[in-house]
Amino acid sequence: VYESPNEFYRVRPVTILYYLEDDSIQVFEDPVENSGIPQGKLIRRHRLPKNDQGDTFTWKDLNLRKNLSVYGHTFRICDCDEFTKVKKI
């Protein structure tokens, strides 16, 4: 229910792509037919502002079990791919 007074948040799985080459981030949600809510590309690829001082998010800010708050939306980072999990020294 989109405008329900009983619903304060909604859990929707999204994919966050981080590009090391220019520190840009893209957020999208896989479309589900007949869901009634906007899906697809939620945030286009660009450097996301972290605060009002002009700082932007970097790879150091993207950790598991952390929240990423951007443009009034909060994304909880729950998992990552195997390549990202591997710690190479």
PDB file of N, CA and C in Angstrom:
ATOM      1  N   VAL A   1       0.858  -1.162   0.000  1.00  0.00           N
ATOM      2  CA  VAL A   1       0.000   0.000   0.000  1.00  0.00           C
ATOM      3  C   VAL A   1       0.910   1.232   0.000  1.00  0.00           C
ATOM      4  N   TYR A   2       0.841   2.025  -1.076  1.00  0.00           N
ATOM      5  CA  TYR A   2       1.802   3.117  -1.276  1.00  0.00           C
ATOM      6  C   TYR A   2       1.674   4.226  -0.239  1.00  0.00           C
ATOM      7  N   GLU A   3       0.478   4.694   0.035  1.00  0.00           N
ATOM      8  CA  GLU A   3       0.302   5.811   0.964  1.00  0.00           C
ATOM      9  C   GLU A   3      -0.407   5.377   2.244  1.00  0.00           C
ATOM     10  N   SER A   4      -0.059   4.251   2.762  1.00  0.00           N
ATOM     11  CA  SER A   4      -0.692   3.729   3.963  1.00  0.00           C
ATOM     12  C   SER A   4      -0.143   4.427   5.212  1.00  0.00           C
ATOM     13  N   PRO A   5      -0.992   4.822   6.149  1.00  0.00           N
ATOM     14  CA  PRO A   5      -0.495   5.414   7.387  1.00  0.00           C
ATOM     15  C   PRO A   5       0.161   4.368   8.305  1.00  0.00           C
ATOM     16  N   ASN A   6      -0.040   3.088   8.005  1.00  0.00           N
ATOM     17  CA  ASN A   6       0.543   2.015   8.816  1.00  0.00           C
ATOM     18  C   ASN A   6       1.922   1.597   8.327  1.00  0.00           C
ATOM     19  N   GLU A   7       2.340   2.083   7.175  1.00  0.00           N
ATOM     20  CA  GLU A   7       3.616   1.670   6.595  1.00  0.00           C
ATOM     21  C   GLU A   7       4.612   2.822   6.671  1.00  0.00           C
ATOM     22  N   PHE A   8       5.712   2.618   7.396  1.00  0.00           N
ATOM     23  CA  PHE A   8       6.717   3.658   7.566  1.00  0.00           C
ATOM     24  C   PHE A   8       7.904   3.469   6.629  1.00  0.00           C
ATOM     25  N   TYR A   9       8.174   2.246   6.204  1.00  0.00           N
ATOM     26  CA  TYR A   9       9.253   1.967   5.271  1.00  0.00           C
ATOM     27  C   TYR A   9       8.912   0.710   4.483  1.00  0.00           C
ATOM     28  N   ARG A  10       9.628   0.504   3.410  1.00  0.00           N
ATOM     29  CA  ARG A  10       9.406  -0.660   2.568  1.00  0.00           C
ATOM     30  C   ARG A  10      10.767  -1.234   2.187  1.00  0.00           C
ATOM     31  N   VAL A  11      10.928  -2.531   2.308  1.00  0.00           N
ATOM     32  CA  VAL A  11      12.173  -3.196   1.948  1.00  0.00           C
ATOM     33  C   VAL A  11      12.092  -3.609   0.484  1.00  0.00           C
ATOM     34  N   ARG A  12      13.011  -3.059  -0.311  1.00  0.00           N
ATOM     35  CA  ARG A  12      13.061  -3.360  -1.741  1.00  0.00           C
ATOM     36  C   ARG A  12      14.505  -3.651  -2.102  1.00  0.00           C
ATOM     37  N   PRO A  13      14.793  -4.824  -2.668  1.00  0.00           N
ATOM     38  CA  PRO A  13      16.175  -5.141  -3.033  1.00  0.00           C
ATOM     39  C   PRO A  13      16.646  -4.304  -4.224  1.00  0.00           C
ATOM     40  N   VAL A  14      17.800  -3.668  -4.071  1.00  0.00           N
ATOM     41  CA  VAL A  14      18.398  -2.873  -5.137  1.00  0.00           C
ATOM     42  C   VAL A  14      19.846  -3.320  -5.334  1.00  0.00           C
ATOM     43  N   THR A  15      20.421  -2.898  -6.442  1.00  0.00           N
ATOM     44  CA  THR A  15      21.826  -3.165  -6.727  1.00  0.00           C
ATOM     45  C   THR A  15      22.556  -1.830  -6.758  1.00  0.00           C
ATOM     46  N   ILE A  16      23.645  -1.761  -5.990  1.00  0.00           N
ATOM     47  CA  ILE A  16      24.473  -0.565  -5.957  1.00  0.00           C
ATOM     48  C   ILE A  16      25.766  -0.892  -6.691  1.00  0.00           C
ATOM     49  N   LEU A  17      26.033  -0.168  -7.757  1.00  0.00           N
ATOM     50  CA  LEU A  17      27.265  -0.357  -8.520  1.00  0.00           C
ATOM     51  C   LEU A  17      28.206   0.800  -8.225  1.00  0.00           C
ATOM     52  N   TYR A  18      29.433   0.464  -7.835  1.00  0.00           N
ATOM     53  CA  TYR A  18      30.451   1.476  -7.565  1.00  0.00           C
ATOM     54  C   TYR A  18      31.549   1.341  -8.602  1.00  0.00           C
ATOM     55  N   TYR A  19      31.950   2.441  -9.206  1.00  0.00           N
ATOM     56  CA  TYR A  19      32.966   2.442 -10.249  1.00  0.00           C
ATOM     57  C   TYR A  19      34.235   3.086  -9.700  1.00  0.00           C
ATOM     58  N   LEU A  20      35.292   2.275  -9.555  1.00  0.00           N
ATOM     59  CA  LEU A  20      36.550   2.754  -8.988  1.00  0.00           C
ATOM     60  C   LEU A  20      37.222   3.809  -9.853  1.00  0.00           C
ATOM     61  N   GLU A  21      37.018   3.748 -11.161  1.00  0.00           N
ATOM     62  CA  GLU A  21      37.730   4.649 -12.057  1.00  0.00           C
ATOM     63  C   GLU A  21      37.410   6.123 -11.825  1.00  0.00           C
ATOM     64  N   ASP A  22      36.176   6.435 -11.407  1.00  0.00           N
ATOM     65  CA  ASP A  22      35.826   7.833 -11.190  1.00  0.00           C
ATOM     66  C   ASP A  22      34.997   8.055  -9.920  1.00  0.00           C
ATOM     67  N   ASP A  23      34.930   7.074  -9.040  1.00  0.00           N
ATOM     68  CA  ASP A  23      34.184   7.147  -7.774  1.00  0.00           C
ATOM     69  C   ASP A  23      32.703   7.432  -7.975  1.00  0.00           C
ATOM     70  N   SER A  24      32.151   7.012  -9.091  1.00  0.00           N
ATOM     71  CA  SER A  24      30.725   7.219  -9.333  1.00  0.00           C
ATOM     72  C   SER A  24      29.932   6.008  -8.848  1.00  0.00           C
ATOM     73  N   ILE A  25      28.659   6.240  -8.547  1.00  0.00           N
ATOM     74  CA  ILE A  25      27.779   5.209  -8.004  1.00  0.00           C
ATOM     75  C   ILE A  25      26.477   5.231  -8.786  1.00  0.00           C
ATOM     76  N   GLN A  26      25.938   4.034  -9.035  1.00  0.00           N
ATOM     77  CA  GLN A  26      24.647   3.896  -9.700  1.00  0.00           C
ATOM     78  C   GLN A  26      23.798   2.953  -8.865  1.00  0.00           C
ATOM     79  N   VAL A  27      22.505   3.249  -8.727  1.00  0.00           N
ATOM     80  CA  VAL A  27      21.588   2.407  -7.967  1.00  0.00           C
ATOM     81  C   VAL A  27      20.407   2.063  -8.860  1.00  0.00           C
ATOM     82  N   PHE A  28      20.106   0.768  -8.954  1.00  0.00           N
ATOM     83  CA  PHE A  28      18.940   0.361  -9.728  1.00  0.00           C
ATOM     84  C   PHE A  28      18.252  -0.816  -9.071  1.00  0.00           C
ATOM     85  N   GLU A  29      16.995  -0.990  -9.441  1.00  0.00           N
ATOM     86  CA  GLU A  29      16.171  -2.067  -8.916  1.00  0.00           C
ATOM     87  C   GLU A  29      15.668  -2.898 -10.083  1.00  0.00           C
ATOM     88  N   ASP A  30      15.776  -4.213  -9.971  1.00  0.00           N
ATOM     89  CA  ASP A  30      15.256  -5.085 -11.017  1.00  0.00           C
ATOM     90  C   ASP A  30      13.743  -4.949 -11.083  1.00  0.00           C
ATOM     91  N   PRO A  31      13.190  -4.729 -12.284  1.00  0.00           N
ATOM     92  CA  PRO A  31      11.745  -4.539 -12.415  1.00  0.00           C
ATOM     93  C   PRO A  31      10.934  -5.786 -12.059  1.00  0.00           C
ATOM     94  N   VAL A  32       9.824  -5.571 -11.368  1.00  0.00           N
ATOM     95  CA  VAL A  32       8.862  -6.617 -11.049  1.00  0.00           C
ATOM     96  C   VAL A  32       7.551  -6.197 -11.687  1.00  0.00           C
ATOM     97  N   GLU A  33       6.986  -7.056 -12.504  1.00  0.00           N
ATOM     98  CA  GLU A  33       5.768  -6.693 -13.225  1.00  0.00           C
ATOM     99  C   GLU A  33       4.598  -6.445 -12.269  1.00  0.00           C
ATOM    100  N   ASN A  34       3.796  -5.456 -12.609  1.00  0.00           N
ATOM    101  CA  ASN A  34       2.571  -5.102 -11.885  1.00  0.00           C
ATOM    102  C   ASN A  34       2.797  -4.771 -10.417  1.00  0.00           C
ATOM    103  N   SER A  35       3.919  -4.174 -10.090  1.00  0.00           N
ATOM    104  CA  SER A  35       4.173  -3.820  -8.694  1.00  0.00           C
ATOM    105  C   SER A  35       3.526  -2.490  -8.329  1.00  0.00           C
ATOM    106  N   GLY A  36       3.349  -1.606  -9.304  1.00  0.00           N
ATOM    107  CA  GLY A  36       2.705  -0.326  -9.045  1.00  0.00           C
ATOM    108  C   GLY A  36       3.626   0.739  -8.487  1.00  0.00           C
ATOM    109  N   ILE A  37       4.930   0.462  -8.392  1.00  0.00           N
ATOM    110  CA  ILE A  37       5.880   1.451  -7.893  1.00  0.00           C
ATOM    111  C   ILE A  37       6.989   1.636  -8.931  1.00  0.00           C
ATOM    112  N   PRO A  38       7.609   2.818  -8.980  1.00  0.00           N
ATOM    113  CA  PRO A  38       8.679   3.052  -9.954  1.00  0.00           C
ATOM    114  C   PRO A  38       9.863   2.128  -9.707  1.00  0.00           C
ATOM    115  N   GLN A  39      10.396   1.573 -10.789  1.00  0.00           N
ATOM    116  CA  GLN A  39      11.523   0.648 -10.681  1.00  0.00           C
ATOM    117  C   GLN A  39      12.508   0.946 -11.797  1.00  0.00           C
ATOM    118  N   GLY A  40      13.562   0.171 -11.858  1.00  0.00           N
ATOM    119  CA  GLY A  40      14.599   0.389 -12.852  1.00  0.00           C
ATOM    120  C   GLY A  40      15.708   1.219 -12.243  1.00  0.00           C
ATOM    121  N   LYS A  41      16.229   2.187 -13.010  1.00  0.00           N
ATOM    122  CA  LYS A  41      17.322   3.020 -12.541  1.00  0.00           C
ATOM    123  C   LYS A  41      16.786   4.031 -11.535  1.00  0.00           C
ATOM    124  N   LEU A  42      17.230   3.932 -10.283  1.00  0.00           N
ATOM    125  CA  LEU A  42      16.778   4.837  -9.230  1.00  0.00           C
ATOM    126  C   LEU A  42      17.691   6.055  -9.117  1.00  0.00           C
ATOM    127  N   ILE A  43      18.998   5.834  -9.247  1.00  0.00           N
ATOM    128  CA  ILE A  43      19.972   6.920  -9.217  1.00  0.00           C
ATOM    129  C   ILE A  43      20.947   6.692 -10.361  1.00  0.00           C
ATOM    130  N   ARG A  44      21.043   7.662 -11.245  1.00  0.00           N
ATOM    131  CA  ARG A  44      21.947   7.524 -12.381  1.00  0.00           C
ATOM    132  C   ARG A  44      23.394   7.590 -11.916  1.00  0.00           C
ATOM    133  N   ARG A  45      24.290   7.131 -12.788  1.00  0.00           N
ATOM    134  CA  ARG A  45      25.708   7.064 -12.436  1.00  0.00           C
ATOM    135  C   ARG A  45      26.314   8.469 -12.354  1.00  0.00           C
ATOM    136  N   HIS A  46      26.751   8.823 -11.169  1.00  0.00           N
ATOM    137  CA  HIS A  46      27.498  10.056 -10.932  1.00  0.00           C
ATOM    138  C   HIS A  46      28.083  10.003  -9.530  1.00  0.00           C
ATOM    139  N   ARG A  47      28.892  10.979  -9.195  1.00  0.00           N
ATOM    140  CA  ARG A  47      29.477  11.040  -7.853  1.00  0.00           C
ATOM    141  C   ARG A  47      28.411  11.561  -6.903  1.00  0.00           C
ATOM    142  N   LEU A  48      28.077  10.749  -5.905  1.00  0.00           N
ATOM    143  CA  LEU A  48      26.990  11.092  -4.985  1.00  0.00           C
ATOM    144  C   LEU A  48      27.493  11.978  -3.854  1.00  0.00           C
ATOM    145  N   PRO A  49      26.788  13.068  -3.570  1.00  0.00           N
ATOM    146  CA  PRO A  49      27.197  13.950  -2.471  1.00  0.00           C
ATOM    147  C   PRO A  49      26.959  13.285  -1.115  1.00  0.00           C
ATOM    148  N   LYS A  50      27.967  13.397  -0.261  1.00  0.00           N
ATOM    149  CA  LYS A  50      27.876  12.827   1.085  1.00  0.00           C
ATOM    150  C   LYS A  50      27.322  13.843   2.082  1.00  0.00           C
ATOM    151  N   ASN A  51      27.694  15.094   1.918  1.00  0.00           N
ATOM    152  CA  ASN A  51      27.260  16.136   2.851  1.00  0.00           C
ATOM    153  C   ASN A  51      27.190  17.476   2.125  1.00  0.00           C
ATOM    154  N   ASP A  52      26.901  18.531   2.872  1.00  0.00           N
ATOM    155  CA  ASP A  52      26.769  19.865   2.288  1.00  0.00           C
ATOM    156  C   ASP A  52      28.111  20.552   2.030  1.00  0.00           C
ATOM    157  N   GLN A  53      29.201  19.975   2.514  1.00  0.00           N
ATOM    158  CA  GLN A  53      30.518  20.581   2.328  1.00  0.00           C
ATOM    159  C   GLN A  53      31.152  20.209   0.980  1.00  0.00           C
ATOM    160  N   GLY A  54      30.466  19.421   0.180  1.00  0.00           N
ATOM    161  CA  GLY A  54      30.990  19.050  -1.133  1.00  0.00           C
ATOM    162  C   GLY A  54      31.706  17.711  -1.177  1.00  0.00           C
ATOM    163  N   ASP A  55      31.746  16.978  -0.066  1.00  0.00           N
ATOM    164  CA  ASP A  55      32.359  15.656  -0.061  1.00  0.00           C
ATOM    165  C   ASP A  55      31.472  14.670  -0.814  1.00  0.00           C
ATOM    166  N   THR A  56      32.087  13.659  -1.418  1.00  0.00           N
ATOM    167  CA  THR A  56      31.327  12.628  -2.118  1.00  0.00           C
ATOM    168  C   THR A  56      31.658  11.262  -1.525  1.00  0.00           C
ATOM    169  N   PHE A  57      30.766  10.299  -1.761  1.00  0.00           N
ATOM    170  CA  PHE A  57      30.989   8.943  -1.261  1.00  0.00           C
ATOM    171  C   PHE A  57      32.138   8.289  -2.017  1.00  0.00           C
ATOM    172  N   THR A  58      32.929   7.519  -1.290  1.00  0.00           N
ATOM    173  CA  THR A  58      34.010   6.734  -1.885  1.00  0.00           C
ATOM    174  C   THR A  58      33.825   5.280  -1.474  1.00  0.00           C
ATOM    175  N   TRP A  59      34.723   4.426  -1.931  1.00  0.00           N
ATOM    176  CA  TRP A  59      34.624   3.006  -1.619  1.00  0.00           C
ATOM    177  C   TRP A  59      34.759   2.753  -0.116  1.00  0.00           C
ATOM    178  N   LYS A  60      35.399   3.655   0.598  1.00  0.00           N
ATOM    179  CA  LYS A  60      35.574   3.482   2.044  1.00  0.00           C
ATOM    180  C   LYS A  60      34.254   3.638   2.800  1.00  0.00           C
ATOM    181  N   ASP A  61      33.278   4.299   2.195  1.00  0.00           N
ATOM    182  CA  ASP A  61      31.985   4.520   2.845  1.00  0.00           C
ATOM    183  C   ASP A  61      31.013   3.362   2.625  1.00  0.00           C
ATOM    184  N   LEU A  62      31.333   2.456   1.728  1.00  0.00           N
ATOM    185  CA  LEU A  62      30.417   1.371   1.370  1.00  0.00           C
ATOM    186  C   LEU A  62      30.839   0.088   2.076  1.00  0.00           C
ATOM    187  N   ASN A  63      30.328  -0.134   3.256  1.00  0.00           N
ATOM    188  CA  ASN A  63      30.635  -1.320   4.045  1.00  0.00           C
ATOM    189  C   ASN A  63      29.366  -2.100   4.335  1.00  0.00           C
ATOM    190  N   LEU A  64      29.520  -3.403   4.544  1.00  0.00           N
ATOM    191  CA  LEU A  64      28.372  -4.239   4.877  1.00  0.00           C
ATOM    192  C   LEU A  64      27.743  -3.780   6.187  1.00  0.00           C
ATOM    193  N   ARG A  65      26.422  -3.897   6.263  1.00  0.00           N
ATOM    194  CA  ARG A  65      25.618  -3.523   7.424  1.00  0.00           C
ATOM    195  C   ARG A  65      25.684  -2.033   7.729  1.00  0.00           C
ATOM    196  N   LYS A  66      25.928  -1.213   6.715  1.00  0.00           N
ATOM    197  CA  LYS A  66      25.913   0.243   6.857  1.00  0.00           C
ATOM    198  C   LYS A  66      24.807   0.819   5.983  1.00  0.00           C
ATOM    199  N   ASN A  67      24.315   1.981   6.341  1.00  0.00           N
ATOM    200  CA  ASN A  67      23.287   2.659   5.563  1.00  0.00           C
ATOM    201  C   ASN A  67      23.922   3.707   4.657  1.00  0.00           C
ATOM    202  N   LEU A  68      23.394   3.794   3.461  1.00  0.00           N
ATOM    203  CA  LEU A  68      23.809   4.796   2.491  1.00  0.00           C
ATOM    204  C   LEU A  68      22.605   5.706   2.265  1.00  0.00           C
ATOM    205  N   SER A  69      22.664   6.925   2.783  1.00  0.00           N
ATOM    206  CA  SER A  69      21.538   7.855   2.662  1.00  0.00           C
ATOM    207  C   SER A  69      21.839   8.856   1.557  1.00  0.00           C
ATOM    208  N   VAL A  70      20.991   8.818   0.511  1.00  0.00           N
ATOM    209  CA  VAL A  70      21.193   9.659  -0.663  1.00  0.00           C
ATOM    210  C   VAL A  70      19.846  10.189  -1.134  1.00  0.00           C
ATOM    211  N   TYR A  71      19.747  11.502  -1.313  1.00  0.00           N
ATOM    212  CA  TYR A  71      18.558  12.137  -1.873  1.00  0.00           C
ATOM    213  C   TYR A  71      17.256  11.705  -1.182  1.00  0.00           C
ATOM    214  N   GLY A  72      17.279  11.593   0.130  1.00  0.00           N
ATOM    215  CA  GLY A  72      16.077  11.266   0.881  1.00  0.00           C
ATOM    216  C   GLY A  72      15.743   9.789   0.946  1.00  0.00           C
ATOM    217  N   HIS A  73      16.585   8.949   0.386  1.00  0.00           N
ATOM    218  CA  HIS A  73      16.379   7.503   0.437  1.00  0.00           C
ATOM    219  C   HIS A  73      17.524   6.872   1.221  1.00  0.00           C
ATOM    220  N   THR A  74      17.209   5.841   1.972  1.00  0.00           N
ATOM    221  CA  THR A  74      18.227   5.127   2.730  1.00  0.00           C
ATOM    222  C   THR A  74      18.338   3.715   2.191  1.00  0.00           C
ATOM    223  N   PHE A  75      19.555   3.336   1.804  1.00  0.00           N
ATOM    224  CA  PHE A  75      19.833   2.007   1.289  1.00  0.00           C
ATOM    225  C   PHE A  75      20.730   1.281   2.291  1.00  0.00           C
ATOM    226  N   ARG A  76      20.301   0.095   2.723  1.00  0.00           N
ATOM    227  CA  ARG A  76      21.079  -0.717   3.663  1.00  0.00           C
ATOM    228  C   ARG A  76      21.920  -1.690   2.849  1.00  0.00           C
ATOM    229  N   ILE A  77      23.232  -1.701   3.064  1.00  0.00           N
ATOM    230  CA  ILE A  77      24.128  -2.595   2.337  1.00  0.00           C
ATOM    231  C   ILE A  77      24.180  -3.918   3.087  1.00  0.00           C
ATOM    232  N   CYS A  78      23.617  -4.966   2.459  1.00  0.00           N
ATOM    233  CA  CYS A  78      23.484  -6.262   3.116  1.00  0.00           C
ATOM    234  C   CYS A  78      24.440  -7.317   2.573  1.00  0.00           C
ATOM    235  N   ASP A  79      24.852  -7.185   1.325  1.00  0.00           N
ATOM    236  CA  ASP A  79      25.671  -8.225   0.698  1.00  0.00           C
ATOM    237  C   ASP A  79      26.484  -7.614  -0.428  1.00  0.00           C
ATOM    238  N   CYS A  80      27.479  -8.355  -0.890  1.00  0.00           N
ATOM    239  CA  CYS A  80      28.272  -7.925  -2.033  1.00  0.00           C
ATOM    240  C   CYS A  80      28.713  -9.165  -2.808  1.00  0.00           C
ATOM    241  N   ASP A  81      29.252  -8.950  -3.992  1.00  0.00           N
ATOM    242  CA  ASP A  81      29.671 -10.086  -4.809  1.00  0.00           C
ATOM    243  C   ASP A  81      30.993 -10.663  -4.267  1.00  0.00           C
ATOM    244  N   GLU A  82      31.356 -11.833  -4.775  1.00  0.00           N
ATOM    245  CA  GLU A  82      32.536 -12.544  -4.283  1.00  0.00           C
ATOM    246  C   GLU A  82      33.820 -11.759  -4.550  1.00  0.00           C
ATOM    247  N   PHE A  83      33.922 -11.101  -5.690  1.00  0.00           N
ATOM    248  CA  PHE A  83      35.120 -10.332  -6.009  1.00  0.00           C
ATOM    249  C   PHE A  83      35.355  -9.234  -4.966  1.00  0.00           C
ATOM    250  N   THR A  84      34.295  -8.595  -4.523  1.00  0.00           N
ATOM    251  CA  THR A  84      34.399  -7.518  -3.538  1.00  0.00           C
ATOM    252  C   THR A  84      34.746  -8.077  -2.154  1.00  0.00           C
ATOM    253  N   LYS A  85      34.285  -9.271  -1.834  1.00  0.00           N
ATOM    254  CA  LYS A  85      34.552  -9.866  -0.528  1.00  0.00           C
ATOM    255  C   LYS A  85      35.995 -10.291  -0.344  1.00  0.00           C
ATOM    256  N   VAL A  86      36.665 -10.654  -1.429  1.00  0.00           N
ATOM    257  CA  VAL A  86      38.026 -11.161  -1.338  1.00  0.00           C
ATOM    258  C   VAL A  86      38.971 -10.023  -0.958  1.00  0.00           C
ATOM    259  N   LYS A  87      39.703 -10.240   0.122  1.00  0.00           N
ATOM    260  CA  LYS A  87      40.667  -9.237   0.587  1.00  0.00           C
ATOM    261  C   LYS A  87      42.044  -9.639   0.078  1.00  0.00           C
ATOM    262  N   LYS A  88      42.565  -8.841  -0.847  1.00  0.00           N
ATOM    263  CA  LYS A  88      43.893  -9.132  -1.397  1.00  0.00           C
ATOM    264  C   LYS A  88      44.897  -8.171  -0.810  1.00  0.00           C
ATOM    265  N   ILE A  89      46.011  -8.729  -0.365  1.00  0.00           N
ATOM    266  CA  ILE A  89      47.056  -7.897   0.252  1.00  0.00           C
ATOM    267  C   ILE A  89      48.293  -7.945  -0.608  1.00  0.00           C
TER     268      ILE A  89
END
